[in-house]
Structures are given as structure tokens and as C-alpha cells.
Amino acid sequence: MGHKQRKVWLWLAVERARRRIVGWTLGSRGEAPLRQRWQSLPRRYHRHCWYFTDQWKAVAKALPR
């Protein structure tokens, strides 16, 4: 297999105010790693967060509007 067929993506959750990483996941660009990252964040980040995306189809399935 070539390198392009074995891509690994790094999903980061960054706290904007302090510029610190509050969570991360290594994995595919599918829905499962993103959902895993979202669910593992403390609840306060679920209520008061902004996220920026490239409109990848997995984002619409895993993150709230």
C-alpha cells in the first residue's frame, strides 16, 4: 500500500481562551473518531463551543449544528 492509502488524521480540540489542547484523537477521517472526540470532551465544552470545519460529510453526522 502507498502512503496515500494509509492516511492517519489528527483531530484536535483546542480551548481558545488559553490556547491549550483539551482533547485529541488519531484515526481515520470517518465519523467514529470525530464522534469519539466530541463525546469525550467535558460537558462545558459541549454547551459553549465553536468549531470550524471543511464541511467534510462526517462532521455533519457527528457534531451538533
PDB file of N, CA and C in Angstrom:
ATOM      1  N   MET A   1       0.831  -1.187   0.000  1.00  0.00           N
ATOM      2  CA  MET A   1       0.000   0.000   0.000  1.00  0.00           C
ATOM      3  C   MET A   1       0.874   1.248   0.000  1.00  0.00           C
ATOM      4  N   GLY A   2       0.427   2.238  -0.715  1.00  0.00           N
ATOM      5  CA  GLY A   2       1.140   3.504  -0.741  1.00  0.00           C
ATOM      6  C   GLY A   2       0.784   4.358   0.460  1.00  0.00           C
ATOM      7  N   HIS A   3       1.539   5.398   0.648  1.00  0.00           N
ATOM      8  CA  HIS A   3       1.305   6.296   1.783  1.00  0.00           C
ATOM      9  C   HIS A   3      -0.057   6.963   1.728  1.00  0.00           C
ATOM     10  N   LYS A   4      -0.536   7.289   0.552  1.00  0.00           N
ATOM     11  CA  LYS A   4      -1.823   7.979   0.434  1.00  0.00           C
ATOM     12  C   LYS A   4      -2.993   7.078   0.808  1.00  0.00           C
ATOM     13  N   GLN A   5      -2.806   5.791   0.776  1.00  0.00           N
ATOM     14  CA  GLN A   5      -3.880   4.872   1.129  1.00  0.00           C
ATOM     15  C   GLN A   5      -3.940   4.621   2.630  1.00  0.00           C
ATOM     16  N   ARG A   6      -2.922   5.005   3.370  1.00  0.00           N
ATOM     17  CA  ARG A   6      -2.876   4.747   4.811  1.00  0.00           C
ATOM     18  C   ARG A   6      -2.827   6.047   5.609  1.00  0.00           C
ATOM     19  N   LYS A   7      -3.632   6.987   5.249  1.00  0.00           N
ATOM     20  CA  LYS A   7      -3.616   8.272   5.944  1.00  0.00           C
ATOM     21  C   LYS A   7      -4.151   8.138   7.364  1.00  0.00           C
ATOM     22  N   VAL A   8      -3.528   8.857   8.258  1.00  0.00           N
ATOM     23  CA  VAL A   8      -3.985   8.949   9.639  1.00  0.00           C
ATOM     24  C   VAL A   8      -4.245  10.424   9.908  1.00  0.00           C
ATOM     25  N   TRP A   9      -5.388  10.722  10.481  1.00  0.00           N
ATOM     26  CA  TRP A   9      -5.787  12.092  10.747  1.00  0.00           C
ATOM     27  C   TRP A   9      -5.682  12.379  12.232  1.00  0.00           C
ATOM     28  N   LEU A  10      -5.305  13.595  12.548  1.00  0.00           N
ATOM     29  CA  LEU A  10      -5.235  14.053  13.923  1.00  0.00           C
ATOM     30  C   LEU A  10      -6.381  15.037  14.145  1.00  0.00           C
ATOM     31  N   TRP A  11      -7.307  14.682  15.031  1.00  0.00           N
ATOM     32  CA  TRP A  11      -8.422  15.550  15.403  1.00  0.00           C
ATOM     33  C   TRP A  11      -8.031  16.232  16.703  1.00  0.00           C
ATOM     34  N   LEU A  12      -8.078  17.557  16.726  1.00  0.00           N
ATOM     35  CA  LEU A  12      -7.724  18.313  17.921  1.00  0.00           C
ATOM     36  C   LEU A  12      -8.918  19.106  18.437  1.00  0.00           C
ATOM     37  N   ALA A  13      -9.014  19.190  19.744  1.00  0.00           N
ATOM     38  CA  ALA A  13      -9.970  20.092  20.395  1.00  0.00           C
ATOM     39  C   ALA A  13      -9.123  21.083  21.179  1.00  0.00           C
ATOM     40  N   VAL A  14      -9.227  22.353  20.816  1.00  0.00           N
ATOM     41  CA  VAL A  14      -8.381  23.389  21.404  1.00  0.00           C
ATOM     42  C   VAL A  14      -9.250  24.393  22.159  1.00  0.00           C
ATOM     43  N   GLU A  15      -8.884  24.668  23.382  1.00  0.00           N
ATOM     44  CA  GLU A  15      -9.556  25.695  24.166  1.00  0.00           C
ATOM     45  C   GLU A  15      -9.018  27.045  23.711  1.00  0.00           C
ATOM     46  N   ARG A  16      -9.876  27.831  23.169  1.00  0.00           N
ATOM     47  CA  ARG A  16      -9.451  29.080  22.540  1.00  0.00           C
ATOM     48  C   ARG A  16      -8.859  30.087  23.522  1.00  0.00           C
ATOM     49  N   ALA A  17      -9.492  30.262  24.668  1.00  0.00           N
ATOM     50  CA  ALA A  17      -9.057  31.285  25.624  1.00  0.00           C
ATOM     51  C   ALA A  17      -7.620  31.066  26.098  1.00  0.00           C
ATOM     52  N   ARG A  18      -7.292  29.828  26.404  1.00  0.00           N
ATOM     53  CA  ARG A  18      -5.942  29.522  26.918  1.00  0.00           C
ATOM     54  C   ARG A  18      -5.035  28.895  25.877  1.00  0.00           C
ATOM     55  N   ARG A  19      -5.595  28.645  24.714  1.00  0.00           N
ATOM     56  CA  ARG A  19      -4.845  28.035  23.606  1.00  0.00           C
ATOM     57  C   ARG A  19      -4.182  26.718  24.016  1.00  0.00           C
ATOM     58  N   ARG A  20      -4.946  25.915  24.687  1.00  0.00           N
ATOM     59  CA  ARG A  20      -4.417  24.608  25.086  1.00  0.00           C
ATOM     60  C   ARG A  20      -5.245  23.506  24.459  1.00  0.00           C
ATOM     61  N   ILE A  21      -4.617  22.396  24.216  1.00  0.00           N
ATOM     62  CA  ILE A  21      -5.300  21.235  23.645  1.00  0.00           C
ATOM     63  C   ILE A  21      -6.029  20.526  24.775  1.00  0.00           C
ATOM     64  N   VAL A  22      -7.328  20.358  24.613  1.00  0.00           N
ATOM     65  CA  VAL A  22      -8.136  19.706  25.646  1.00  0.00           C
ATOM     66  C   VAL A  22      -8.562  18.301  25.236  1.00  0.00           C
ATOM     67  N   GLY A  23      -8.233  17.906  24.015  1.00  0.00           N
ATOM     68  CA  GLY A  23      -8.531  16.555  23.567  1.00  0.00           C
ATOM     69  C   GLY A  23      -7.970  16.313  22.185  1.00  0.00           C
ATOM     70  N   TRP A  24      -7.679  15.051  21.896  1.00  0.00           N
ATOM     71  CA  TRP A  24      -7.193  14.693  20.572  1.00  0.00           C
ATOM     72  C   TRP A  24      -7.497  13.236  20.290  1.00  0.00           C
ATOM     73  N   THR A  25      -7.547  12.910  19.004  1.00  0.00           N
ATOM     74  CA  THR A  25      -7.769  11.542  18.550  1.00  0.00           C
ATOM     75  C   THR A  25      -6.972  11.322  17.273  1.00  0.00           C
ATOM     76  N   LEU A  26      -6.327  10.197  17.165  1.00  0.00           N
ATOM     77  CA  LEU A  26      -5.676   9.775  15.925  1.00  0.00           C
ATOM     78  C   LEU A  26      -6.531   8.700  15.295  1.00  0.00           C
ATOM     79  N   GLY A  27      -6.765   8.810  14.001  1.00  0.00           N
ATOM     80  CA  GLY A  27      -7.571   7.784  13.349  1.00  0.00           C
ATOM     81  C   GLY A  27      -7.930   8.170  11.938  1.00  0.00           C
ATOM     82  N   SER A  28      -8.929   7.532  11.443  1.00  0.00           N
ATOM     83  CA  SER A  28      -9.389   7.805  10.085  1.00  0.00           C
ATOM     84  C   SER A  28     -10.146   9.125  10.061  1.00  0.00           C
ATOM     85  N   ARG A  29     -10.528   9.553   8.882  1.00  0.00           N
ATOM     86  CA  ARG A  29     -11.284  10.789   8.758  1.00  0.00           C
ATOM     87  C   ARG A  29     -12.782  10.508   8.795  1.00  0.00           C
ATOM     88  N   GLY A  30     -13.137   9.348   9.277  1.00  0.00           N
ATOM     89  CA  GLY A  30     -14.536   8.956   9.340  1.00  0.00           C
ATOM     90  C   GLY A  30     -15.260   9.550  10.537  1.00  0.00           C
ATOM     91  N   GLU A  31     -16.491   9.166  10.653  1.00  0.00           N
ATOM     92  CA  GLU A  31     -17.369   9.679  11.699  1.00  0.00           C
ATOM     93  C   GLU A  31     -16.978   9.184  13.094  1.00  0.00           C
ATOM     94  N   ALA A  32     -16.534   7.944  13.208  1.00  0.00           N
ATOM     95  CA  ALA A  32     -16.261   7.347  14.523  1.00  0.00           C
ATOM     96  C   ALA A  32     -15.203   8.100  15.331  1.00  0.00           C
ATOM     97  N   PRO A  33     -14.021   8.416  14.785  1.00  0.00           N
ATOM     98  CA  PRO A  33     -13.038   9.158  15.591  1.00  0.00           C
ATOM     99  C   PRO A  33     -13.524  10.543  16.006  1.00  0.00           C
ATOM    100  N   LEU A  34     -14.247  11.200  15.127  1.00  0.00           N
ATOM    101  CA  LEU A  34     -14.767  12.521  15.459  1.00  0.00           C
ATOM    102  C   LEU A  34     -15.823  12.436  16.552  1.00  0.00           C
ATOM    103  N   ARG A  35     -16.718  11.491  16.444  1.00  0.00           N
ATOM    104  CA  ARG A  35     -17.744  11.301  17.479  1.00  0.00           C
ATOM    105  C   ARG A  35     -17.078  10.933  18.810  1.00  0.00           C
ATOM    106  N   GLN A  36     -16.052  10.113  18.777  1.00  0.00           N
ATOM    107  CA  GLN A  36     -15.319   9.717  19.984  1.00  0.00           C
ATOM    108  C   GLN A  36     -14.719  10.950  20.664  1.00  0.00           C
ATOM    109  N   ARG A  37     -14.116  11.820  19.876  1.00  0.00           N
ATOM    110  CA  ARG A  37     -13.516  13.030  20.433  1.00  0.00           C
ATOM    111  C   ARG A  37     -14.583  13.924  21.053  1.00  0.00           C
ATOM    112  N   TRP A  38     -15.671  14.145  20.353  1.00  0.00           N
ATOM    113  CA  TRP A  38     -16.747  15.021  20.848  1.00  0.00           C
ATOM    114  C   TRP A  38     -17.317  14.494  22.163  1.00  0.00           C
ATOM    115  N   GLN A  39     -17.593  13.205  22.229  1.00  0.00           N
ATOM    116  CA  GLN A  39     -18.207  12.623  23.415  1.00  0.00           C
ATOM    117  C   GLN A  39     -17.259  12.584  24.612  1.00  0.00           C
ATOM    118  N   SER A  40     -15.965  12.604  24.373  1.00  0.00           N
ATOM    119  CA  SER A  40     -15.018  12.537  25.481  1.00  0.00           C
ATOM    120  C   SER A  40     -14.715  13.908  26.096  1.00  0.00           C
ATOM    121  N   LEU A  41     -15.145  14.979  25.445  1.00  0.00           N
ATOM    122  CA  LEU A  41     -14.906  16.316  25.992  1.00  0.00           C
ATOM    123  C   LEU A  41     -15.812  16.577  27.191  1.00  0.00           C
ATOM    124  N   PRO A  42     -15.339  17.359  28.154  1.00  0.00           N
ATOM    125  CA  PRO A  42     -16.206  17.727  29.289  1.00  0.00           C
ATOM    126  C   PRO A  42     -17.449  18.465  28.794  1.00  0.00           C
ATOM    127  N   ARG A  43     -18.552  18.329  29.498  1.00  0.00           N
ATOM    128  CA  ARG A  43     -19.838  18.908  29.097  1.00  0.00           C
ATOM    129  C   ARG A  43     -19.771  20.416  28.875  1.00  0.00           C
ATOM    130  N   ARG A  44     -18.942  21.112  29.619  1.00  0.00           N
ATOM    131  CA  ARG A  44     -18.887  22.577  29.452  1.00  0.00           C
ATOM    132  C   ARG A  44     -18.456  22.963  28.043  1.00  0.00           C
ATOM    133  N   TYR A  45     -17.698  22.104  27.395  1.00  0.00           N
ATOM    134  CA  TYR A  45     -17.298  22.390  26.019  1.00  0.00           C
ATOM    135  C   TYR A  45     -18.432  22.097  25.037  1.00  0.00           C
ATOM    136  N   HIS A  46     -19.339  21.255  25.407  1.00  0.00           N
ATOM    137  CA  HIS A  46     -20.489  20.970  24.539  1.00  0.00           C
ATOM    138  C   HIS A  46     -21.434  22.158  24.488  1.00  0.00           C
ATOM    139  N   ARG A  47     -21.581  22.856  25.600  1.00  0.00           N
ATOM    140  CA  ARG A  47     -22.516  23.979  25.666  1.00  0.00           C
ATOM    141  C   ARG A  47     -21.957  25.258  25.074  1.00  0.00           C
ATOM    142  N   HIS A  48     -20.698  25.502  25.281  1.00  0.00           N
ATOM    143  CA  HIS A  48     -20.102  26.783  24.885  1.00  0.00           C
ATOM    144  C   HIS A  48     -18.916  26.542  23.957  1.00  0.00           C
ATOM    145  N   CYS A  49     -19.203  26.211  22.735  1.00  0.00           N
ATOM    146  CA  CYS A  49     -18.090  25.979  21.822  1.00  0.00           C
ATOM    147  C   CYS A  49     -18.425  26.455  20.414  1.00  0.00           C
ATOM    148  N   TRP A  50     -17.402  26.742  19.705  1.00  0.00           N
ATOM    149  CA  TRP A  50     -17.474  26.985  18.270  1.00  0.00           C
ATOM    150  C   TRP A  50     -16.558  25.962  17.643  1.00  0.00           C
ATOM    151  N   TYR A  51     -16.915  25.520  16.487  1.00  0.00           N
ATOM    152  CA  TYR A  51     -15.968  24.667  15.773  1.00  0.00           C
ATOM    153  C   TYR A  51     -15.932  25.081  14.319  1.00  0.00           C
ATOM    154  N   PHE A  52     -14.792  24.848  13.721  1.00  0.00           N
ATOM    155  CA  PHE A  52     -14.547  25.220  12.336  1.00  0.00           C
ATOM    156  C   PHE A  52     -14.216  23.956  11.563  1.00  0.00           C
ATOM    157  N   THR A  53     -14.772  23.836  10.381  1.00  0.00           N
ATOM    158  CA  THR A  53     -14.651  22.603   9.621  1.00  0.00           C
ATOM    159  C   THR A  53     -14.526  22.894   8.132  1.00  0.00           C
ATOM    160  N   ASP A  54     -14.096  21.887   7.415  1.00  0.00           N
ATOM    161  CA  ASP A  54     -14.019  21.989   5.950  1.00  0.00           C
ATOM    162  C   ASP A  54     -15.265  21.372   5.301  1.00  0.00           C
ATOM    163  N   GLN A  55     -16.321  21.198   6.095  1.00  0.00           N
ATOM    164  CA  GLN A  55     -17.599  20.654   5.622  1.00  0.00           C
ATOM    165  C   GLN A  55     -17.507  19.188   5.190  1.00  0.00           C
ATOM    166  N   TRP A  56     -16.593  18.452   5.759  1.00  0.00           N
ATOM    167  CA  TRP A  56     -16.473  17.025   5.475  1.00  0.00           C
ATOM    168  C   TRP A  56     -17.753  16.336   5.931  1.00  0.00           C
ATOM    169  N   LYS A  57     -18.210  15.347   5.200  1.00  0.00           N
ATOM    170  CA  LYS A  57     -19.514  14.721   5.475  1.00  0.00           C
ATOM    171  C   LYS A  57     -19.608  14.110   6.874  1.00  0.00           C
ATOM    172  N   ALA A  58     -18.510  13.643   7.443  1.00  0.00           N
ATOM    173  CA  ALA A  58     -18.540  13.052   8.782  1.00  0.00           C
ATOM    174  C   ALA A  58     -18.892  14.094   9.839  1.00  0.00           C
ATOM    175  N   VAL A  59     -18.521  15.341   9.612  1.00  0.00           N
ATOM    176  CA  VAL A  59     -18.788  16.388  10.600  1.00  0.00           C
ATOM    177  C   VAL A  59     -20.286  16.582  10.800  1.00  0.00           C
ATOM    178  N   ALA A  60     -21.039  16.606   9.727  1.00  0.00           N
ATOM    179  CA  ALA A  60     -22.488  16.797   9.817  1.00  0.00           C
ATOM    180  C   ALA A  60     -23.165  15.668  10.592  1.00  0.00           C
ATOM    181  N   LYS A  61     -22.594  14.479  10.554  1.00  0.00           N
ATOM    182  CA  LYS A  61     -23.177  13.343  11.264  1.00  0.00           C
ATOM    183  C   LYS A  61     -22.764  13.285  12.735  1.00  0.00           C
ATOM    184  N   ALA A  62     -21.576  13.771  13.059  1.00  0.00           N
ATOM    185  CA  ALA A  62     -21.031  13.582  14.396  1.00  0.00           C
ATOM    186  C   ALA A  62     -21.190  14.782  15.323  1.00  0.00           C
ATOM    187  N   LEU A  63     -21.239  15.994  14.778  1.00  0.00           N
ATOM    188  CA  LEU A  63     -21.299  17.188  15.623  1.00  0.00           C
ATOM    189  C   LEU A  63     -22.663  17.855  15.517  1.00  0.00           C
ATOM    190  N   PRO A  64     -23.106  18.513  16.593  1.00  0.00           N
ATOM    191  CA  PRO A  64     -24.386  19.225  16.539  1.00  0.00           C
ATOM    192  C   PRO A  64     -24.273  20.458  15.631  1.00  0.00           C
ATOM    193  N   ARG A  65     -25.417  20.942  15.175  1.00  0.00           N
ATOM    194  CA  ARG A  65     -25.412  22.142  14.316  1.00  0.00           C
ATOM    195  C   ARG A  65     -24.973  23.361  15.062  1.00  0.00           C
TER     196      ARG A  65
END
